[in-house]
Amino acid sequence: MSKQRFTPEFKAEAIKQINERGYSVKDVSERLGVSDNSLYNWLKQHKQATNPDPVVAQQ
């Protein structure tokens, strides 16, 4: 069984639907056919990329 890969554009659109349009993770996951866990991971990665931890950045 191969692991499905999603493009950065697809992930960005999924994140946008949650963060900017106010859809729940459950709604987006069902609509796009992506697991809740994947969406939470993408949200975490997006948050870390856009808001790096200032304590880590100072080290």
Protein backbone atom coordinates (compact mmCIF):
# COMPACT_ATOMS: atom_id res chain seq x y z
CA MET A 1 0.00 0.00 0.00
CA SER A 2 1.57 3.28 -1.09
CA LYS A 3 1.39 6.49 0.86
CA GLN A 4 -0.59 9.20 -0.91
CA ARG A 5 1.27 12.47 -1.48
CA PHE A 6 -0.38 15.88 -1.70
CA THR A 7 1.03 18.94 -3.41
CA PRO A 8 2.00 22.01 -1.40
CA GLU A 9 -0.81 23.88 -3.19
CA PHE A 10 -3.38 21.30 -2.09
CA LYS A 11 -2.17 21.51 1.50
CA ALA A 12 -2.22 25.33 1.42
CA GLU A 13 -5.81 25.34 0.18
CA ALA A 14 -6.86 22.90 2.90
CA ILE A 15 -5.20 25.08 5.55
CA LYS A 16 -6.85 28.18 4.09
CA GLN A 17 -10.28 26.55 4.35
CA ILE A 18 -9.71 25.97 8.06
CA ASN A 19 -7.87 29.16 9.04
CA GLU A 20 -9.48 31.78 6.80
CA ARG A 21 -12.87 30.39 5.87
CA GLY A 22 -13.70 28.92 9.27
CA TYR A 23 -14.42 25.33 8.27
CA SER A 24 -13.76 22.63 10.83
CA VAL A 25 -10.99 20.09 10.37
CA LYS A 26 -13.65 17.37 10.22
CA ASP A 27 -15.57 19.16 7.42
CA VAL A 28 -12.44 19.74 5.35
CA SER A 29 -11.14 16.21 5.87
CA GLU A 30 -14.43 14.70 4.71
CA ARG A 31 -14.75 17.03 1.74
CA LEU A 32 -11.17 16.55 0.51
CA GLY A 33 -10.76 12.89 1.45
CA VAL A 34 -7.84 13.56 3.79
CA SER A 35 -7.49 12.18 7.31
CA ASP A 36 -8.01 14.47 10.29
CA ASN A 37 -4.52 13.54 11.46
CA SER A 38 -2.96 14.72 8.19
CA LEU A 39 -4.76 18.06 8.40
CA TYR A 40 -3.67 18.60 12.00
CA ASN A 41 -0.07 17.84 10.97
CA TRP A 42 -0.28 20.30 8.06
CA LEU A 43 -1.71 22.96 10.37
CA LYS A 44 1.10 22.37 12.87
CA GLN A 45 3.75 22.59 10.14
CA HIS A 46 2.17 25.76 8.75
CA LYS A 47 2.07 27.38 12.18
CA GLN A 48 5.73 26.51 12.82
CA ALA A 49 6.76 27.86 9.41
CA THR A 50 4.88 31.14 9.80
CA ASN A 51 5.40 31.69 13.55
CA PRO A 52 8.74 30.23 14.59
CA ASP A 53 9.25 29.86 18.32
CA PRO A 54 11.13 33.00 19.44
CA VAL A 55 13.00 31.10 22.17
CA VAL A 56 14.40 28.63 19.63
CA ALA A 57 15.16 31.41 17.13
CA GLN A 58 17.30 33.29 19.68
CA GLN A 59 19.57 30.32 20.41
